């Protein structure tokens, strides 16, 4: 949504699990900033706020630059940004 474009995701804070979460900026229904199956595809072009992913990626790239030349073993747990390989 338009609220999503220029803002970072915010913590749930004092959200009451008995209530539907609402955007603190526009009041529309909010959702977790987790990649879901149709995010950023078709009519859902701006459904995932990628700002948090980009910030994490930049920190990861900085860490990789610091470890250049070190013997490393990287174990990835999870499916990354693309969960489509998990479909049956």
PDB file of N, CA and C in Angstrom:
ATOM      1  N   UNK A   1       0.836  -1.190   0.000  1.00  0.00           N
ATOM      2  CA  UNK A   1       0.000   0.000   0.000  1.00  0.00           C
ATOM      3  C   UNK A   1       0.875   1.246   0.000  1.00  0.00           C
ATOM      4  N   UNK A   2       0.253   2.374  -0.118  1.00  0.00           N
ATOM      5  CA  UNK A   2       0.998   3.638  -0.133  1.00  0.00           C
ATOM      6  C   UNK A   2       1.736   3.857   1.181  1.00  0.00           C
ATOM      7  N   UNK A   3       1.176   3.377   2.279  1.00  0.00           N
ATOM      8  CA  UNK A   3       1.851   3.519   3.576  1.00  0.00           C
ATOM      9  C   UNK A   3       3.174   2.759   3.593  1.00  0.00           C
ATOM     10  N   UNK A   4       3.255   1.741   2.806  1.00  0.00           N
ATOM     11  CA  UNK A   4       4.386   0.830   2.793  1.00  0.00           C
ATOM     12  C   UNK A   4       5.627   1.404   2.122  1.00  0.00           C
ATOM     13  N   UNK A   5       5.447   2.272   1.152  1.00  0.00           N
ATOM     14  CA  UNK A   5       6.550   2.667   0.275  1.00  0.00           C
ATOM     15  C   UNK A   5       7.727   3.331   0.974  1.00  0.00           C
ATOM     16  N   UNK A   6       7.455   4.287   1.819  1.00  0.00           N
ATOM     17  CA  UNK A   6       8.532   5.116   2.365  1.00  0.00           C
ATOM     18  C   UNK A   6       8.776   4.922   3.854  1.00  0.00           C
ATOM     19  N   UNK A   7       8.248   3.847   4.412  1.00  0.00           N
ATOM     20  CA  UNK A   7       8.402   3.629   5.847  1.00  0.00           C
ATOM     21  C   UNK A   7       8.969   2.253   6.120  1.00  0.00           C
ATOM     22  N   UNK A   8       9.737   2.162   7.187  1.00  0.00           N
ATOM     23  CA  UNK A   8      10.232   0.861   7.625  1.00  0.00           C
ATOM     24  C   UNK A   8       9.112   0.132   8.356  1.00  0.00           C
ATOM     25  N   UNK A   9       9.141  -1.205   8.351  1.00  0.00           N
ATOM     26  CA  UNK A   9       8.170  -1.939   9.174  1.00  0.00           C
ATOM     27  C   UNK A   9       8.348  -1.556  10.646  1.00  0.00           C
ATOM     28  N   UNK A  10       7.289  -1.631  11.408  1.00  0.00           N
ATOM     29  CA  UNK A  10       7.358  -1.269  12.824  1.00  0.00           C
ATOM     30  C   UNK A  10       7.076  -2.493  13.689  1.00  0.00           C
ATOM     31  N   UNK A  11       7.577  -2.495  14.926  1.00  0.00           N
ATOM     32  CA  UNK A  11       7.323  -3.634  15.828  1.00  0.00           C
ATOM     33  C   UNK A  11       5.850  -3.701  16.224  1.00  0.00           C
ATOM     34  N   UNK A  12       5.372  -4.892  16.508  1.00  0.00           N
ATOM     35  CA  UNK A  12       3.976  -5.079  16.898  1.00  0.00           C
ATOM     36  C   UNK A  12       3.669  -4.375  18.210  1.00  0.00           C
ATOM     37  N   UNK A  13       4.661  -4.251  19.076  1.00  0.00           N
ATOM     38  CA  UNK A  13       4.485  -3.514  20.324  1.00  0.00           C
ATOM     39  C   UNK A  13       3.381  -4.067  21.196  1.00  0.00           C
ATOM     40  N   UNK A  14       2.413  -3.227  21.510  1.00  0.00           N
ATOM     41  CA  UNK A  14       1.334  -3.603  22.423  1.00  0.00           C
ATOM     42  C   UNK A  14       0.121  -4.175  21.706  1.00  0.00           C
ATOM     43  N   UNK A  15       0.302  -4.747  20.535  1.00  0.00           N
ATOM     44  CA  UNK A  15      -0.817  -5.288  19.761  1.00  0.00           C
ATOM     45  C   UNK A  15      -1.569  -6.333  20.575  1.00  0.00           C
ATOM     46  N   UNK A  16      -2.875  -6.230  20.548  1.00  0.00           N
ATOM     47  CA  UNK A  16      -3.753  -7.158  21.260  1.00  0.00           C
ATOM     48  C   UNK A  16      -4.122  -8.297  20.304  1.00  0.00           C
ATOM     49  N   UNK A  17      -3.705  -9.531  20.566  1.00  0.00           N
ATOM     50  CA  UNK A  17      -3.966 -10.635  19.632  1.00  0.00           C
ATOM     51  C   UNK A  17      -5.448 -10.948  19.457  1.00  0.00           C
ATOM     52  N   UNK A  18      -6.320 -10.370  20.282  1.00  0.00           N
ATOM     53  CA  UNK A  18      -7.762 -10.577  20.101  1.00  0.00           C
ATOM     54  C   UNK A  18      -8.340  -9.639  19.048  1.00  0.00           C
ATOM     55  N   UNK A  19      -7.541  -8.674  18.572  1.00  0.00           N
ATOM     56  CA  UNK A  19      -8.000  -7.675  17.595  1.00  0.00           C
ATOM     57  C   UNK A  19      -7.238  -7.824  16.283  1.00  0.00           C
ATOM     58  N   UNK A  20      -7.879  -7.413  15.203  1.00  0.00           N
ATOM     59  CA  UNK A  20      -7.210  -7.387  13.901  1.00  0.00           C
ATOM     60  C   UNK A  20      -6.189  -6.248  13.944  1.00  0.00           C
ATOM     61  N   UNK A  21      -4.923  -6.531  13.589  1.00  0.00           N
ATOM     62  CA  UNK A  21      -3.914  -5.453  13.624  1.00  0.00           C
ATOM     63  C   UNK A  21      -4.209  -4.382  12.570  1.00  0.00           C
ATOM     64  N   UNK A  22      -3.957  -3.132  12.917  1.00  0.00           N
ATOM     65  CA  UNK A  22      -4.204  -1.994  12.034  1.00  0.00           C
ATOM     66  C   UNK A  22      -2.909  -1.231  11.779  1.00  0.00           C
ATOM     67  N   UNK A  23      -2.782  -0.682  10.580  1.00  0.00           N
ATOM     68  CA  UNK A  23      -1.643   0.168  10.237  1.00  0.00           C
ATOM     69  C   UNK A  23      -1.676   1.403  11.129  1.00  0.00           C
ATOM     70  N   UNK A  24      -0.550   1.721  11.734  1.00  0.00           N
ATOM     71  CA  UNK A  24      -0.520   2.881  12.625  1.00  0.00           C
ATOM     72  C   UNK A  24      -0.509   4.195  11.853  1.00  0.00           C
ATOM     73  N   UNK A  25      -0.383   4.138  10.522  1.00  0.00           N
ATOM     74  CA  UNK A  25      -0.365   5.352   9.706  1.00  0.00           C
ATOM     75  C   UNK A  25      -1.706   5.623   9.031  1.00  0.00           C
ATOM     76  N   UNK A  26      -2.339   4.573   8.442  1.00  0.00           N
ATOM     77  CA  UNK A  26      -3.582   4.804   7.702  1.00  0.00           C
ATOM     78  C   UNK A  26      -4.796   4.125   8.321  1.00  0.00           C
ATOM     79  N   UNK A  27      -4.585   3.200   9.274  1.00  0.00           N
ATOM     80  CA  UNK A  27      -5.693   2.519   9.928  1.00  0.00           C
ATOM     81  C   UNK A  27      -6.220   1.307   9.193  1.00  0.00           C
ATOM     82  N   UNK A  28      -5.705   1.010   7.989  1.00  0.00           N
ATOM     83  CA  UNK A  28      -6.144  -0.186   7.267  1.00  0.00           C
ATOM     84  C   UNK A  28      -5.574  -1.427   7.939  1.00  0.00           C
ATOM     85  N   UNK A  29      -6.100  -2.588   7.557  1.00  0.00           N
ATOM     86  CA  UNK A  29      -5.620  -3.845   8.119  1.00  0.00           C
ATOM     87  C   UNK A  29      -4.129  -4.004   7.846  1.00  0.00           C
ATOM     88  N   UNK A  30      -3.378  -4.340   8.877  1.00  0.00           N
ATOM     89  CA  UNK A  30      -1.932  -4.548   8.758  1.00  0.00           C
ATOM     90  C   UNK A  30      -1.653  -6.039   8.642  1.00  0.00           C
ATOM     91  N   UNK A  31      -0.460  -6.366   8.228  1.00  0.00           N
ATOM     92  CA  UNK A  31      -0.044  -7.761   8.131  1.00  0.00           C
ATOM     93  C   UNK A  31       1.417  -7.863   8.511  1.00  0.00           C
ATOM     94  N   UNK A  32       1.891  -9.058   8.854  1.00  0.00           N
ATOM     95  CA  UNK A  32       3.313  -9.207   9.179  1.00  0.00           C
ATOM     96  C   UNK A  32       4.169  -8.920   7.950  1.00  0.00           C
ATOM     97  N   UNK A  33       5.342  -8.390   8.161  1.00  0.00           N
ATOM     98  CA  UNK A  33       6.246  -8.147   7.037  1.00  0.00           C
ATOM     99  C   UNK A  33       7.042  -9.421   6.777  1.00  0.00           C
ATOM    100  N   UNK A  34       6.335 -10.435   6.348  1.00  0.00           N
ATOM    101  CA  UNK A  34       6.929 -11.724   5.993  1.00  0.00           C
ATOM    102  C   UNK A  34       6.505 -12.038   4.574  1.00  0.00           C
ATOM    103  N   UNK A  35       7.411 -12.590   3.796  1.00  0.00           N
ATOM    104  CA  UNK A  35       7.112 -12.897   2.404  1.00  0.00           C
ATOM    105  C   UNK A  35       6.071 -14.009   2.319  1.00  0.00           C
ATOM    106  N   UNK A  36       4.956 -13.702   1.659  1.00  0.00           N
ATOM    107  CA  UNK A  36       3.901 -14.673   1.433  1.00  0.00           C
ATOM    108  C   UNK A  36       3.897 -15.066  -0.042  1.00  0.00           C
ATOM    109  N   UNK A  37       3.126 -16.056  -0.417  1.00  0.00           N
ATOM    110  CA  UNK A  37       3.228 -16.657  -1.745  1.00  0.00           C
ATOM    111  C   UNK A  37       3.059 -15.706  -2.914  1.00  0.00           C
ATOM    112  N   UNK A  38       2.137 -14.767  -2.877  1.00  0.00           N
ATOM    113  CA  UNK A  38       1.895 -13.899  -4.031  1.00  0.00           C
ATOM    114  C   UNK A  38       2.496 -12.510  -3.878  1.00  0.00           C
ATOM    115  N   UNK A  39       3.341 -12.315  -2.882  1.00  0.00           N
ATOM    116  CA  UNK A  39       3.926 -10.991  -2.679  1.00  0.00           C
ATOM    117  C   UNK A  39       4.693 -10.528  -3.902  1.00  0.00           C
ATOM    118  N   UNK A  40       4.528  -9.251  -4.181  1.00  0.00           N
ATOM    119  CA  UNK A  40       5.243  -8.561  -5.256  1.00  0.00           C
ATOM    120  C   UNK A  40       5.025  -9.200  -6.621  1.00  0.00           C
ATOM    121  N   UNK A  41       3.880  -9.844  -6.818  1.00  0.00           N
ATOM    122  CA  UNK A  41       3.527 -10.430  -8.105  1.00  0.00           C
ATOM    123  C   UNK A  41       2.125  -9.979  -8.498  1.00  0.00           C
ATOM    124  N   UNK A  42       1.894  -9.837  -9.784  1.00  0.00           N
ATOM    125  CA  UNK A  42       0.559  -9.516 -10.275  1.00  0.00           C
ATOM    126  C   UNK A  42      -0.030  -8.292  -9.614  1.00  0.00           C
ATOM    127  N   UNK A  43      -1.223  -8.440  -9.042  1.00  0.00           N
ATOM    128  CA  UNK A  43      -1.899  -7.293  -8.424  1.00  0.00           C
ATOM    129  C   UNK A  43      -1.346  -6.974  -7.035  1.00  0.00           C
ATOM    130  N   UNK A  44      -0.339  -7.730  -6.575  1.00  0.00           N
ATOM    131  CA  UNK A  44       0.254  -7.512  -5.252  1.00  0.00           C
ATOM    132  C   UNK A  44       1.664  -6.946  -5.370  1.00  0.00           C
ATOM    133  N   UNK A  45       1.876  -6.021  -6.314  1.00  0.00           N
ATOM    134  CA  UNK A  45       3.217  -5.526  -6.622  1.00  0.00           C
ATOM    135  C   UNK A  45       3.925  -4.902  -5.428  1.00  0.00           C
ATOM    136  N   UNK A  46       3.201  -4.291  -4.527  1.00  0.00           N
ATOM    137  CA  UNK A  46       3.848  -3.601  -3.399  1.00  0.00           C
ATOM    138  C   UNK A  46       3.399  -4.169  -2.065  1.00  0.00           C
ATOM    139  N   UNK A  47       3.128  -5.474  -2.014  1.00  0.00           N
ATOM    140  CA  UNK A  47       2.581  -6.055  -0.793  1.00  0.00           C
ATOM    141  C   UNK A  47       3.642  -6.301   0.277  1.00  0.00           C
ATOM    142  N   UNK A  48       4.892  -6.516  -0.108  1.00  0.00           N
ATOM    143  CA  UNK A  48       5.955  -6.736   0.872  1.00  0.00           C
ATOM    144  C   UNK A  48       6.847  -5.510   0.929  1.00  0.00           C
ATOM    145  N   UNK A  49       7.081  -5.008   2.126  1.00  0.00           N
ATOM    146  CA  UNK A  49       7.987  -3.883   2.312  1.00  0.00           C
ATOM    147  C   UNK A  49       9.399  -4.437   2.348  1.00  0.00           C
ATOM    148  N   UNK A  50      10.153  -4.241   1.285  1.00  0.00           N
ATOM    149  CA  UNK A  50      11.493  -4.797   1.164  1.00  0.00           C
ATOM    150  C   UNK A  50      12.574  -4.001   1.872  1.00  0.00           C
ATOM    151  N   UNK A  51      12.211  -2.897   2.516  1.00  0.00           N
ATOM    152  CA  UNK A  51      13.222  -2.049   3.165  1.00  0.00           C
ATOM    153  C   UNK A  51      13.983  -2.811   4.245  1.00  0.00           C
ATOM    154  N   UNK A  52      13.299  -3.641   5.021  1.00  0.00           N
ATOM    155  CA  UNK A  52      13.975  -4.401   6.080  1.00  0.00           C
ATOM    156  C   UNK A  52      14.912  -5.441   5.468  1.00  0.00           C
ATOM    157  N   UNK A  53      14.479  -6.092   4.389  1.00  0.00           N
ATOM    158  CA  UNK A  53      15.325  -7.078   3.711  1.00  0.00           C
ATOM    159  C   UNK A  53      16.570  -6.407   3.161  1.00  0.00           C
ATOM    160  N   UNK A  54      16.397  -5.234   2.530  1.00  0.00           N
ATOM    161  CA  UNK A  54      17.536  -4.509   1.979  1.00  0.00           C
ATOM    162  C   UNK A  54      18.522  -4.111   3.081  1.00  0.00           C
ATOM    163  N   UNK A  55      18.021  -3.644   4.212  1.00  0.00           N
ATOM    164  CA  UNK A  55      18.909  -3.260   5.332  1.00  0.00           C
ATOM    165  C   UNK A  55      19.674  -4.480   5.843  1.00  0.00           C
ATOM    166  N   UNK A  56      18.998  -5.620   5.968  1.00  0.00           N
ATOM    167  CA  UNK A  56      19.669  -6.837   6.421  1.00  0.00           C
ATOM    168  C   UNK A  56      20.711  -7.290   5.401  1.00  0.00           C
ATOM    169  N   UNK A  57      20.386  -7.178   4.118  1.00  0.00           N
ATOM    170  CA  UNK A  57      21.319  -7.573   3.069  1.00  0.00           C
ATOM    171  C   UNK A  57      22.569  -6.692   3.107  1.00  0.00           C
ATOM    172  N   UNK A  58      22.385  -5.395   3.312  1.00  0.00           N
ATOM    173  CA  UNK A  58      23.540  -4.485   3.378  1.00  0.00           C
ATOM    174  C   UNK A  58      24.438  -4.824   4.568  1.00  0.00           C
ATOM    175  N   UNK A  59      23.846  -5.160   5.715  1.00  0.00           N
ATOM    176  CA  UNK A  59      24.650  -5.578   6.869  1.00  0.00           C
ATOM    177  C   UNK A  59      25.387  -6.879   6.586  1.00  0.00           C
ATOM    178  N   UNK A  60      24.727  -7.814   5.906  1.00  0.00           N
ATOM    179  CA  UNK A  60      25.357  -9.082   5.548  1.00  0.00           C
ATOM    180  C   UNK A  60      26.529  -8.851   4.596  1.00  0.00           C
ATOM    181  N   UNK A  61      26.345  -7.987   3.607  1.00  0.00           N
ATOM    182  CA  UNK A  61      27.427  -7.670   2.667  1.00  0.00           C
ATOM    183  C   UNK A  61      28.611  -7.040   3.400  1.00  0.00           C
ATOM    184  N   UNK A  62      28.351  -6.144   4.355  1.00  0.00           N
ATOM    185  CA  UNK A  62      29.433  -5.526   5.137  1.00  0.00           C
ATOM    186  C   UNK A  62      30.176  -6.592   5.937  1.00  0.00           C
ATOM    187  N   UNK A  63      29.447  -7.520   6.523  1.00  0.00           N
ATOM    188  CA  UNK A  63      30.073  -8.615   7.284  1.00  0.00           C
ATOM    189  C   UNK A  63      30.926  -9.473   6.365  1.00  0.00           C
ATOM    190  N   UNK A  64      30.422  -9.779   5.178  1.00  0.00           N
ATOM    191  CA  UNK A  64      31.205 -10.583   4.234  1.00  0.00           C
ATOM    192  C   UNK A  64      32.511  -9.884   3.859  1.00  0.00           C
ATOM    193  N   UNK A  65      32.453  -8.562   3.669  1.00  0.00           N
ATOM    194  CA  UNK A  65      33.682  -7.824   3.340  1.00  0.00           C
ATOM    195  C   UNK A  65      34.690  -7.915   4.476  1.00  0.00           C
ATOM    196  N   UNK A  66      34.216  -7.893   5.721  1.00  0.00           N
ATOM    197  CA  UNK A  66      35.115  -7.989   6.876  1.00  0.00           C
ATOM    198  C   UNK A  66      35.755  -9.363   6.987  1.00  0.00           C
ATOM    199  N   UNK A  67      35.089 -10.386   6.510  1.00  0.00           N
ATOM    200  CA  UNK A  67      35.586 -11.756   6.662  1.00  0.00           C
ATOM    201  C   UNK A  67      36.348 -12.242   5.431  1.00  0.00           C
ATOM    202  N   UNK A  68      36.559 -11.367   4.468  1.00  0.00           N
ATOM    203  CA  UNK A  68      37.255 -11.767   3.235  1.00  0.00           C
ATOM    204  C   UNK A  68      38.607 -12.385   3.590  1.00  0.00           C
ATOM    205  N   UNK A  69      38.851 -13.569   3.055  1.00  0.00           N
ATOM    206  CA  UNK A  69      40.106 -14.266   3.306  1.00  0.00           C
ATOM    207  C   UNK A  69      40.050 -15.222   4.489  1.00  0.00           C
ATOM    208  N   UNK A  70      38.989 -15.181   5.265  1.00  0.00           N
ATOM    209  CA  UNK A  70      38.851 -16.094   6.393  1.00  0.00           C
ATOM    210  C   UNK A  70      38.261 -17.416   5.906  1.00  0.00           C
ATOM    211  N   UNK A  71      38.640 -18.519   6.531  1.00  0.00           N
ATOM    212  CA  UNK A  71      37.949 -19.769   6.207  1.00  0.00           C
ATOM    213  C   UNK A  71      36.542 -19.729   6.833  1.00  0.00           C
ATOM    214  N   UNK A  72      35.525 -19.876   6.019  1.00  0.00           N
ATOM    215  CA  UNK A  72      34.153 -19.775   6.507  1.00  0.00           C
ATOM    216  C   UNK A  72      33.320 -20.980   6.100  1.00  0.00           C
ATOM    217  N   UNK A  73      32.366 -21.306   6.921  1.00  0.00           N
ATOM    218  CA  UNK A  73      31.333 -22.263   6.583  1.00  0.00           C
ATOM    219  C   UNK A  73      30.012 -21.568   6.900  1.00  0.00           C
ATOM    220  N   UNK A  74      29.197 -21.320   5.879  1.00  0.00           N
ATOM    221  CA  UNK A  74      27.932 -20.633   6.081  1.00  0.00           C
ATOM    222  C   UNK A  74      26.805 -21.645   5.940  1.00  0.00           C
ATOM    223  N   UNK A  75      25.974 -21.739   6.957  1.00  0.00           N
ATOM    224  CA  UNK A  75      24.830 -22.639   6.954  1.00  0.00           C
ATOM    225  C   UNK A  75      23.573 -21.790   6.897  1.00  0.00           C
ATOM    226  N   UNK A  76      22.837 -21.886   5.794  1.00  0.00           N
ATOM    227  CA  UNK A  76      21.599 -21.117   5.661  1.00  0.00           C
ATOM    228  C   UNK A  76      20.440 -21.958   6.169  1.00  0.00           C
ATOM    229  N   UNK A  77      19.675 -21.361   7.067  1.00  0.00           N
ATOM    230  CA  UNK A  77      18.492 -22.024   7.609  1.00  0.00           C
ATOM    231  C   UNK A  77      17.287 -21.214   7.161  1.00  0.00           C
ATOM    232  N   UNK A  78      16.396 -21.828   6.420  1.00  0.00           N
ATOM    233  CA  UNK A  78      15.238 -21.126   5.894  1.00  0.00           C
ATOM    234  C   UNK A  78      15.283 -21.129   4.379  1.00  0.00           C
ATOM    235  N   UNK A  79      14.353 -20.405   3.800  1.00  0.00           N
ATOM    236  CA  UNK A  79      14.251 -20.432   2.339  1.00  0.00           C
ATOM    237  C   UNK A  79      14.624 -19.102   1.708  1.00  0.00           C
ATOM    238  N   UNK A  80      15.121 -18.145   2.478  1.00  0.00           N
ATOM    239  CA  UNK A  80      15.503 -16.865   1.906  1.00  0.00           C
ATOM    240  C   UNK A  80      14.284 -16.073   1.464  1.00  0.00           C
ATOM    241  N   UNK A  81      14.438 -15.294   0.401  1.00  0.00           N
ATOM    242  CA  UNK A  81      13.343 -14.456  -0.080  1.00  0.00           C
ATOM    243  C   UNK A  81      12.345 -15.224  -0.927  1.00  0.00           C
ATOM    244  N   UNK A  82      12.714 -16.385  -1.461  1.00  0.00           N
ATOM    245  CA  UNK A  82      11.830 -17.119  -2.346  1.00  0.00           C
ATOM    246  C   UNK A  82      11.350 -18.405  -1.690  1.00  0.00           C
ATOM    247  N   UNK A  83      10.079 -18.397  -1.326  1.00  0.00           N
ATOM    248  CA  UNK A  83       9.508 -19.597  -0.714  1.00  0.00           C
ATOM    249  C   UNK A  83       8.815 -20.472  -1.746  1.00  0.00           C
ATOM    250  N   UNK A  84       8.873 -20.085  -3.015  1.00  0.00           N
ATOM    251  CA  UNK A  84       8.122 -20.794  -4.056  1.00  0.00           C
ATOM    252  C   UNK A  84       8.583 -22.231  -4.241  1.00  0.00           C
ATOM    253  N   UNK A  85       9.805 -22.539  -3.869  1.00  0.00           N
ATOM    254  CA  UNK A  85      10.276 -23.917  -3.986  1.00  0.00           C
ATOM    255  C   UNK A  85       9.643 -24.824  -2.938  1.00  0.00           C
ATOM    256  N   UNK A  86       8.953 -24.237  -1.960  1.00  0.00           N
ATOM    257  CA  UNK A  86       8.322 -25.020  -0.916  1.00  0.00           C
ATOM    258  C   UNK A  86       6.936 -25.535  -1.321  1.00  0.00           C
ATOM    259  N   UNK A  87       6.403 -25.018  -2.428  1.00  0.00           N
ATOM    260  CA  UNK A  87       5.069 -25.454  -2.855  1.00  0.00           C
ATOM    261  C   UNK A  87       5.116 -26.899  -3.334  1.00  0.00           C
ATOM    262  N   UNK A  88       4.052 -27.636  -3.080  1.00  0.00           N
ATOM    263  CA  UNK A  88       3.949 -29.012  -3.543  1.00  0.00           C
ATOM    264  C   UNK A  88       3.147 -29.103  -4.808  1.00  0.00           C
TER     265      UNK A  88
END
